[in-house]
C-alpha atoms as a PDB file:
ATOM      1  CA  UNK A   1       0.543  25.250  10.319  1.00  0.00           C
ATOM      2  CA  UNK A   2       3.469  26.210   8.073  1.00  0.00           C
ATOM      3  CA  UNK A   3       5.665  23.630   6.336  1.00  0.00           C
ATOM      4  CA  UNK A   4       9.301  23.823   5.246  1.00  0.00           C
ATOM      5  CA  UNK A   5      10.550  21.337   2.648  1.00  0.00           C
ATOM      6  CA  UNK A   6      14.359  21.279   2.747  1.00  0.00           C
ATOM      7  CA  UNK A   7      15.609  20.856  -0.811  1.00  0.00           C
ATOM      8  CA  UNK A   8      19.325  21.601  -0.704  1.00  0.00           C
ATOM      9  CA  UNK A   9      20.763  18.084  -0.439  1.00  0.00           C
ATOM     10  CA  UNK A  10      23.153  16.708  -3.051  1.00  0.00           C
ATOM     11  CA  UNK A  11      23.834  13.098  -3.991  1.00  0.00           C
ATOM     12  CA  UNK A  12      26.617  11.568  -6.043  1.00  0.00           C
ATOM     13  CA  UNK A  13      24.598   8.357  -6.390  1.00  0.00           C
ATOM     14  CA  UNK A  14      21.644   9.794  -8.311  1.00  0.00           C
ATOM     15  CA  UNK A  15      21.471  11.027 -11.931  1.00  0.00           C
ATOM     16  CA  UNK A  16      20.932  14.648 -10.846  1.00  0.00           C
ATOM     17  CA  UNK A  17      23.100  17.130  -8.957  1.00  0.00           C
ATOM     18  CA  UNK A  18      20.424  17.782  -6.338  1.00  0.00           C
ATOM     19  CA  UNK A  19      17.902  15.217  -5.140  1.00  0.00           C
ATOM     20  CA  UNK A  20      15.202  17.876  -5.180  1.00  0.00           C
ATOM     21  CA  UNK A  21      15.410  17.993  -8.986  1.00  0.00           C
ATOM     22  CA  UNK A  22      14.896  14.271  -9.600  1.00  0.00           C
ATOM     23  CA  UNK A  23      11.898  14.047 -11.931  1.00  0.00           C
ATOM     24  CA  UNK A  24       8.992  11.842 -10.896  1.00  0.00           C
ATOM     25  CA  UNK A  25       6.194  11.784 -13.441  1.00  0.00           C
ATOM     26  CA  UNK A  26       7.786  14.871 -14.955  1.00  0.00           C
ATOM     27  CA  UNK A  27       7.639  16.740 -11.635  1.00  0.00           C
ATOM     28  CA  UNK A  28      10.725  17.580  -9.518  1.00  0.00           C
ATOM     29  CA  UNK A  29      10.726  15.477  -6.356  1.00  0.00           C
ATOM     30  CA  UNK A  30      10.708  18.506  -4.028  1.00  0.00           C
ATOM     31  CA  UNK A  31       7.574  19.844  -5.717  1.00  0.00           C
ATOM     32  CA  UNK A  32       5.925  16.429  -5.513  1.00  0.00           C
ATOM     33  CA  UNK A  33       6.566  16.259  -1.767  1.00  0.00           C
ATOM     34  CA  UNK A  34       5.389  19.846  -1.266  1.00  0.00           C
ATOM     35  CA  UNK A  35       2.133  19.041  -3.078  1.00  0.00           C
ATOM     36  CA  UNK A  36       1.414  16.284  -0.556  1.00  0.00           C
ATOM     37  CA  UNK A  37       1.474  18.777   2.322  1.00  0.00           C
ATOM     38  CA  UNK A  38      -0.943  21.044   0.467  1.00  0.00           C
ATOM     39  CA  UNK A  39      -3.523  18.268   0.768  1.00  0.00           C
ATOM     40  CA  UNK A  40      -3.192  18.128   4.580  1.00  0.00           C
ATOM     41  CA  UNK A  41      -6.059  20.032   6.273  1.00  0.00           C
ATOM     42  CA  UNK A  42      -3.865  21.316   9.135  1.00  0.00           C
ATOM     43  CA  UNK A  43      -1.374  22.954   6.740  1.00  0.00           C
ATOM     44  CA  UNK A  44      -1.830  26.591   5.698  1.00  0.00           C
ATOM     45  CA  UNK A  45       1.386  27.182   3.719  1.00  0.00           C
ATOM     46  CA  UNK A  46       4.229  25.180   2.175  1.00  0.00           C
ATOM     47  CA  UNK A  47       7.651  26.586   1.344  1.00  0.00           C
ATOM     48  CA  UNK A  48      10.469  24.816  -0.514  1.00  0.00           C
ATOM     49  CA  UNK A  49      13.798  25.934   0.933  1.00  0.00           C
ATOM     50  CA  UNK A  50      16.968  25.314  -1.075  1.00  0.00           C
ATOM     51  CA  UNK A  51      19.276  27.558   0.933  1.00  0.00           C
ATOM     52  CA  UNK A  52      22.625  29.106   0.027  1.00  0.00           C
ATOM     53  CA  UNK A  53      24.819  27.459   2.648  1.00  0.00           C
ATOM     54  CA  UNK A  54      26.486  24.023   2.444  1.00  0.00           C
ATOM     55  CA  UNK A  55      25.326  23.543   6.032  1.00  0.00           C
ATOM     56  CA  UNK A  56      21.914  21.907   6.416  1.00  0.00           C
ATOM     57  CA  UNK A  57      21.583  23.436   9.884  1.00  0.00           C
ATOM     58  CA  UNK A  58      22.332  26.953   8.634  1.00  0.00           C
ATOM     59  CA  UNK A  59      19.815  26.642   5.810  1.00  0.00           C
ATOM     60  CA  UNK A  60      17.170  25.327   8.195  1.00  0.00           C
ATOM     61  CA  UNK A  61      17.653  27.992  10.857  1.00  0.00           C
ATOM     62  CA  UNK A  62      17.904  30.824   8.331  1.00  0.00           C
ATOM     63  CA  UNK A  63      14.623  29.672   6.773  1.00  0.00           C
ATOM     64  CA  UNK A  64      12.972  29.460  10.194  1.00  0.00           C
ATOM     65  CA  UNK A  65      14.167  32.979  11.020  1.00  0.00           C
ATOM     66  CA  UNK A  66      12.665  34.342   7.803  1.00  0.00           C
ATOM     67  CA  UNK A  67       9.365  32.637   8.552  1.00  0.00           C
ATOM     68  CA  UNK A  68       9.343  34.024  12.096  1.00  0.00           C
ATOM     69  CA  UNK A  69       9.926  37.534  10.769  1.00  0.00           C
ATOM     70  CA  UNK A  70       6.933  37.072   8.466  1.00  0.00           C
ATOM     71  CA  UNK A  71       4.767  35.669  11.259  1.00  0.00           C
ATOM     72  CA  UNK A  72       4.788  31.880  11.120  1.00  0.00           C
ATOM     73  CA  UNK A  73       2.709  29.338  13.003  1.00  0.00           C
ATOM     74  CA  UNK A  74       3.759  28.355  16.539  1.00  0.00           C
ATOM     75  CA  UNK A  75       4.788  24.920  15.290  1.00  0.00           C
ATOM     76  CA  UNK A  76       6.583  24.222  12.028  1.00  0.00           C
ATOM     77  CA  UNK A  77       6.450  20.951  10.136  1.00  0.00           C
ATOM     78  CA  UNK A  78       9.858  20.407   8.549  1.00  0.00           C
ATOM     79  CA  UNK A  79      10.521  17.744   5.934  1.00  0.00           C
ATOM     80  CA  UNK A  80      13.273  16.528   3.648  1.00  0.00           C
ATOM     81  CA  UNK A  81      12.527  16.632  -0.078  1.00  0.00           C
ATOM     82  CA  UNK A  82      13.446  12.996  -0.776  1.00  0.00           C
ATOM     83  CA  UNK A  83      10.411  11.095   0.524  1.00  0.00           C
ATOM     84  CA  UNK A  84       8.309  10.731  -2.656  1.00  0.00           C
ATOM     85  CA  UNK A  85       6.174   7.928  -1.207  1.00  0.00           C
ATOM     86  CA  UNK A  86       4.741  10.360   1.356  1.00  0.00           C
ATOM     87  CA  UNK A  87       0.948  10.705   1.504  1.00  0.00           C
ATOM     88  CA  UNK A  88      -1.365  13.241   3.091  1.00  0.00           C
ATOM     89  CA  UNK A  89      -2.826  10.391   5.150  1.00  0.00           C
ATOM     90  CA  UNK A  90       0.614   9.624   6.611  1.00  0.00           C
ATOM     91  CA  UNK A  91       1.251  13.269   7.498  1.00  0.00           C
ATOM     92  CA  UNK A  92      -2.173  13.623   9.112  1.00  0.00           C
ATOM     93  CA  UNK A  93      -1.680  10.364  10.996  1.00  0.00           C
ATOM     94  CA  UNK A  94       1.622  11.599  12.409  1.00  0.00           C
ATOM     95  CA  UNK A  95       0.190  14.981  13.432  1.00  0.00           C
ATOM     96  CA  UNK A  96      -2.837  13.358  15.076  1.00  0.00           C
ATOM     97  CA  UNK A  97      -0.523  11.089  17.092  1.00  0.00           C
ATOM     98  CA  UNK A  98       1.494  13.992  18.556  1.00  0.00           C
ATOM     99  CA  UNK A  99       0.447  14.558  22.191  1.00  0.00           C
ATOM    100  CA  UNK A 100       0.148  18.184  23.338  1.00  0.00           C
ATOM    101  CA  UNK A 101       2.800  19.971  25.362  1.00  0.00           C
ATOM    102  CA  UNK A 102       6.131  19.059  23.722  1.00  0.00           C
ATOM    103  CA  UNK A 103       8.535  21.255  21.773  1.00  0.00           C
ATOM    104  CA  UNK A 104       9.780  18.643  19.323  1.00  0.00           C
ATOM    105  CA  UNK A 105       8.071  15.604  17.792  1.00  0.00           C
ATOM    106  CA  UNK A 106       9.970  13.021  15.776  1.00  0.00           C
ATOM    107  CA  UNK A 107       8.332  10.054  14.034  1.00  0.00           C
ATOM    108  CA  UNK A 108       9.868   6.605  14.396  1.00  0.00           C
ATOM    109  CA  UNK A 109       8.711   3.685  12.264  1.00  0.00           C
ATOM    110  CA  UNK A 110       8.716   0.057  13.350  1.00  0.00           C
ATOM    111  CA  UNK A 111      10.911  -2.257  11.285  1.00  0.00           C
ATOM    112  CA  UNK A 112       7.941  -4.561  10.703  1.00  0.00           C
ATOM    113  CA  UNK A 113       5.956  -1.760   9.059  1.00  0.00           C
ATOM    114  CA  UNK A 114       8.871  -0.826   6.787  1.00  0.00           C
ATOM    115  CA  UNK A 115       9.476  -4.401   5.660  1.00  0.00           C
ATOM    116  CA  UNK A 116       5.787  -5.007   5.045  1.00  0.00           C
ATOM    117  CA  UNK A 117       5.179  -1.835   3.052  1.00  0.00           C
ATOM    118  CA  UNK A 118       8.557  -1.586   1.289  1.00  0.00           C
ATOM    119  CA  UNK A 119      10.095  -5.080   1.187  1.00  0.00           C
ATOM    120  CA  UNK A 120      13.713  -5.206   0.115  1.00  0.00           C
ATOM    121  CA  UNK A 121      14.511  -1.583   0.924  1.00  0.00           C
ATOM    122  CA  UNK A 122      17.589  -1.273   3.125  1.00  0.00           C
ATOM    123  CA  UNK A 123      17.173   1.045   6.085  1.00  0.00           C
ATOM    124  CA  UNK A 124      19.224   1.871   9.170  1.00  0.00           C
ATOM    125  CA  UNK A 125      17.478   0.551  12.280  1.00  0.00           C
ATOM    126  CA  UNK A 126      18.007   1.059  15.996  1.00  0.00           C
ATOM    127  CA  UNK A 127      17.064  -1.726  18.381  1.00  0.00           C
ATOM    128  CA  UNK A 128      15.433  -0.470  21.577  1.00  0.00           C
ATOM    129  CA  UNK A 129      13.588  -2.181  24.382  1.00  0.00           C
ATOM    130  CA  UNK A 130      10.376  -0.792  22.851  1.00  0.00           C
ATOM    131  CA  UNK A 131      11.101  -2.381  19.456  1.00  0.00           C
ATOM    132  CA  UNK A 132      13.298  -1.887  16.394  1.00  0.00           C
ATOM    133  CA  UNK A 133      12.839   1.432  14.618  1.00  0.00           C
ATOM    134  CA  UNK A 134      14.033   3.672  11.829  1.00  0.00           C
ATOM    135  CA  UNK A 135      13.705   7.436  11.988  1.00  0.00           C
ATOM    136  CA  UNK A 136      11.376   9.532   9.885  1.00  0.00           C
ATOM    137  CA  UNK A 137      12.314  12.262   7.441  1.00  0.00           C
ATOM    138  CA  UNK A 138      10.115  14.975   8.862  1.00  0.00           C
ATOM    139  CA  UNK A 139       9.512  16.473  12.291  1.00  0.00           C
ATOM    140  CA  UNK A 140       7.253  18.913  14.089  1.00  0.00           C
ATOM    141  CA  UNK A 141       8.938  21.612  16.167  1.00  0.00           C
ATOM    142  CA  UNK A 142       8.009  24.706  18.136  1.00  0.00           C
ATOM    143  CA  UNK A 143       9.672  27.423  16.045  1.00  0.00           C
ATOM    144  CA  UNK A 144      10.880  29.456  19.031  1.00  0.00           C
ATOM    145  CA  UNK A 145      13.139  26.687  20.380  1.00  0.00           C
ATOM    146  CA  UNK A 146      15.350  26.391  17.278  1.00  0.00           C
ATOM    147  CA  UNK A 147      17.376  29.656  17.140  1.00  0.00           C
ATOM    148  CA  UNK A 148      18.936  29.235  20.632  1.00  0.00           C
ATOM    149  CA  UNK A 149      20.160  25.775  19.580  1.00  0.00           C
ATOM    150  CA  UNK A 150      22.091  26.982  16.505  1.00  0.00           C
ATOM    151  CA  UNK A 151      25.602  26.472  17.931  1.00  0.00           C
ATOM    152  CA  UNK A 152      24.897  23.018  19.325  1.00  0.00           C
ATOM    153  CA  UNK A 153      23.067  21.874  16.197  1.00  0.00           C
ATOM    154  CA  UNK A 154      25.978  23.046  14.053  1.00  0.00           C
ATOM    155  CA  UNK A 155      28.407  21.013  16.161  1.00  0.00           C
ATOM    156  CA  UNK A 156      26.207  17.913  16.089  1.00  0.00           C
ATOM    157  CA  UNK A 157      25.858  18.144  12.318  1.00  0.00           C
ATOM    158  CA  UNK A 158      29.596  18.725  11.839  1.00  0.00           C
ATOM    159  CA  UNK A 159      30.469  15.730  14.046  1.00  0.00           C
ATOM    160  CA  UNK A 160      27.763  13.391  12.760  1.00  0.00           C
ATOM    161  CA  UNK A 161      30.343  11.044  11.159  1.00  0.00           C
ATOM    162  CA  UNK A 162      32.969  11.382  13.920  1.00  0.00           C
ATOM    163  CA  UNK A 163      31.746   9.268  16.857  1.00  0.00           C
ATOM    164  CA  UNK A 164      34.319  10.454  19.410  1.00  0.00           C
ATOM    165  CA  UNK A 165      33.583  14.132  18.839  1.00  0.00           C
ATOM    166  CA  UNK A 166      29.864  13.404  18.785  1.00  0.00           C
ATOM    167  CA  UNK A 167      30.131  11.530  22.082  1.00  0.00           C
ATOM    168  CA  UNK A 168      31.847  14.539  23.639  1.00  0.00           C
ATOM    169  CA  UNK A 169      28.758  16.640  22.905  1.00  0.00           C
ATOM    170  CA  UNK A 170      26.669  14.332  25.069  1.00  0.00           C
ATOM    171  CA  UNK A 171      29.339  13.526  27.635  1.00  0.00           C
ATOM    172  CA  UNK A 172      31.503  10.419  27.400  1.00  0.00           C
ATOM    173  CA  UNK A 173      29.761   8.764  30.348  1.00  0.00           C
ATOM    174  CA  UNK A 174      26.354   9.191  28.758  1.00  0.00           C
ATOM    175  CA  UNK A 175      27.622   7.957  25.387  1.00  0.00           C
ATOM    176  CA  UNK A 176      29.143   4.816  26.922  1.00  0.00           C
ATOM    177  CA  UNK A 177      25.993   4.188  28.940  1.00  0.00           C
ATOM    178  CA  UNK A 178      23.888   4.535  25.805  1.00  0.00           C
ATOM    179  CA  UNK A 179      26.146   2.190  23.862  1.00  0.00           C
ATOM    180  CA  UNK A 180      26.004  -0.435  26.619  1.00  0.00           C
ATOM    181  CA  UNK A 181      22.229  -0.151  26.962  1.00  0.00           C
ATOM    182  CA  UNK A 182      21.801  -0.437  23.196  1.00  0.00           C
ATOM    183  CA  UNK A 183      24.035  -3.515  23.152  1.00  0.00           C
ATOM    184  CA  UNK A 184      21.933  -5.148  25.857  1.00  0.00           C
ATOM    185  CA  UNK A 185      18.674  -4.044  24.256  1.00  0.00           C
ATOM    186  CA  UNK A 186      17.588  -2.131  27.376  1.00  0.00           C
ATOM    187  CA  UNK A 187      17.630   1.397  25.939  1.00  0.00           C
ATOM    188  CA  UNK A 188      14.122   2.873  25.823  1.00  0.00           C
ATOM    189  CA  UNK A 189      12.392   5.655  23.934  1.00  0.00           C
ATOM    190  CA  UNK A 190      11.586   7.285  27.262  1.00  0.00           C
ATOM    191  CA  UNK A 191      15.254   7.530  28.191  1.00  0.00           C
ATOM    192  CA  UNK A 192      16.139   9.027  24.825  1.00  0.00           C
ATOM    193  CA  UNK A 193      13.429  11.642  25.330  1.00  0.00           C
ATOM    194  CA  UNK A 194      14.755  12.508  28.806  1.00  0.00           C
ATOM    195  CA  UNK A 195      18.324  12.858  27.526  1.00  0.00           C
ATOM    196  CA  UNK A 196      17.162  15.151  24.719  1.00  0.00           C
ATOM    197  CA  UNK A 197      15.467  17.354  27.298  1.00  0.00           C
ATOM    198  CA  UNK A 198      18.575  17.384  29.505  1.00  0.00           C
ATOM    199  CA  UNK A 199      20.970  18.202  26.682  1.00  0.00           C
ATOM    200  CA  UNK A 200      18.902  20.603  24.575  1.00  0.00           C
ATOM    201  CA  UNK A 201      16.568  21.995  27.207  1.00  0.00           C
ATOM    202  CA  UNK A 202      13.471  21.142  25.187  1.00  0.00           C
ATOM    203  CA  UNK A 203      10.702  18.614  25.670  1.00  0.00           C
ATOM    204  CA  UNK A 204      11.014  16.009  22.925  1.00  0.00           C
ATOM    205  CA  UNK A 205       8.643  13.187  22.018  1.00  0.00           C
ATOM    206  CA  UNK A 206       9.232  10.234  19.743  1.00  0.00           C
ATOM    207  CA  UNK A 207       6.003   9.376  17.952  1.00  0.00           C
ATOM    208  CA  UNK A 208       5.638   5.756  16.865  1.00  0.00           C
ATOM    209  CA  UNK A 209       3.914   5.523  13.500  1.00  0.00           C
ATOM    210  CA  UNK A 210       2.978   2.718  11.163  1.00  0.00           C
ATOM    211  CA  UNK A 211       3.323   4.912   8.071  1.00  0.00           C
ATOM    212  CA  UNK A 212       6.555   3.579   6.598  1.00  0.00           C
ATOM    213  CA  UNK A 213       6.505   6.139   3.786  1.00  0.00           C
ATOM    214  CA  UNK A 214       7.592   8.759   6.342  1.00  0.00           C
ATOM    215  CA  UNK A 215      10.904   6.944   6.772  1.00  0.00           C
ATOM    216  CA  UNK A 216      11.530   5.768   3.198  1.00  0.00           C
ATOM    217  CA  UNK A 217      13.743   8.133   1.232  1.00  0.00           C
ATOM    218  CA  UNK A 218      15.598   8.128  -2.074  1.00  0.00           C
ATOM    219  CA  UNK A 219      19.363   8.102  -1.554  1.00  0.00           C
ATOM    220  CA  UNK A 220      20.854   5.774  -4.140  1.00  0.00           C
ATOM    221  CA  UNK A 221      20.289   4.152  -7.509  1.00  0.00           C
ATOM    222  CA  UNK A 222      18.793   1.003  -5.989  1.00  0.00           C
ATOM    223  CA  UNK A 223      16.042   3.150  -4.471  1.00  0.00           C
ATOM    224  CA  UNK A 224      15.054   4.282  -7.962  1.00  0.00           C
ATOM    225  CA  UNK A 225      13.831   0.787  -8.858  1.00  0.00           C
ATOM    226  CA  UNK A 226      11.281   0.986  -6.052  1.00  0.00           C
ATOM    227  CA  UNK A 227      10.337   4.481  -7.168  1.00  0.00           C
ATOM    228  CA  UNK A 228       9.817   3.332 -10.754  1.00  0.00           C
ATOM    229  CA  UNK A 229       7.614   0.504  -9.507  1.00  0.00           C
ATOM    230  CA  UNK A 230       5.516   2.992  -7.540  1.00  0.00           C
ATOM    231  CA  UNK A 231       5.112   5.219 -10.571  1.00  0.00           C
ATOM    232  CA  UNK A 232       4.164   2.244 -12.760  1.00  0.00           C
ATOM    233  CA  UNK A 233       1.607   1.039 -10.227  1.00  0.00           C
ATOM    234  CA  UNK A 234      -0.011   4.472 -10.118  1.00  0.00           C
ATOM    235  CA  UNK A 235      -0.004   4.687 -13.944  1.00  0.00           C
ATOM    236  CA  UNK A 236       2.433   7.583 -14.030  1.00  0.00           C
ATOM    237  CA  UNK A 237       5.375   7.902 -16.383  1.00  0.00           C
ATOM    238  CA  UNK A 238       8.782   9.110 -15.240  1.00  0.00           C
END
């Protein structure tokens, strides 16, 4: 399996221009994350992708296209570069939990696991009938399904902070139904999977995992305190 580590993100809240370059034990964060994947038995290659475009979607799809031209694995494991708590055990656990037959697998982490493993870290959670979850920062995808979705993915990314335009992508009726179900706590993972299949034409699976490190990223200065504690506990020096 081939891995892409997306390393083009910027942050005004961290002491570096790009999160990928944040030093952890003297090693850039993107390289630290990439090294974790190299310890996963199912992984054959790891590529750090910075990209030239300001669009995350464009950088992702361009990187996937290059890998396909070179002959990549059927499935790609794609990760952000800002999850320095990631372990090979967590990656293997996620991959082992993915049932066969889907095109897209996305890890979701229970709130209880996050609060137990990383107490005090603020995360964005979604309350579903199945439980309260935060999303992971990596996913497994069948490479062939991504290029046909370029236009839609670009629109979703462009509208990600504009709820009305985002709702139009899914249909206003669906968006209102989702909002009402979420308010009542009746929205389920199964329904989200079915809507993803209807909208994108791919079979998607949410994979519940107890590995909170998959969903714990470094976005702001307050996250650095937790990172420094991790480094101290493992006898490293930033």
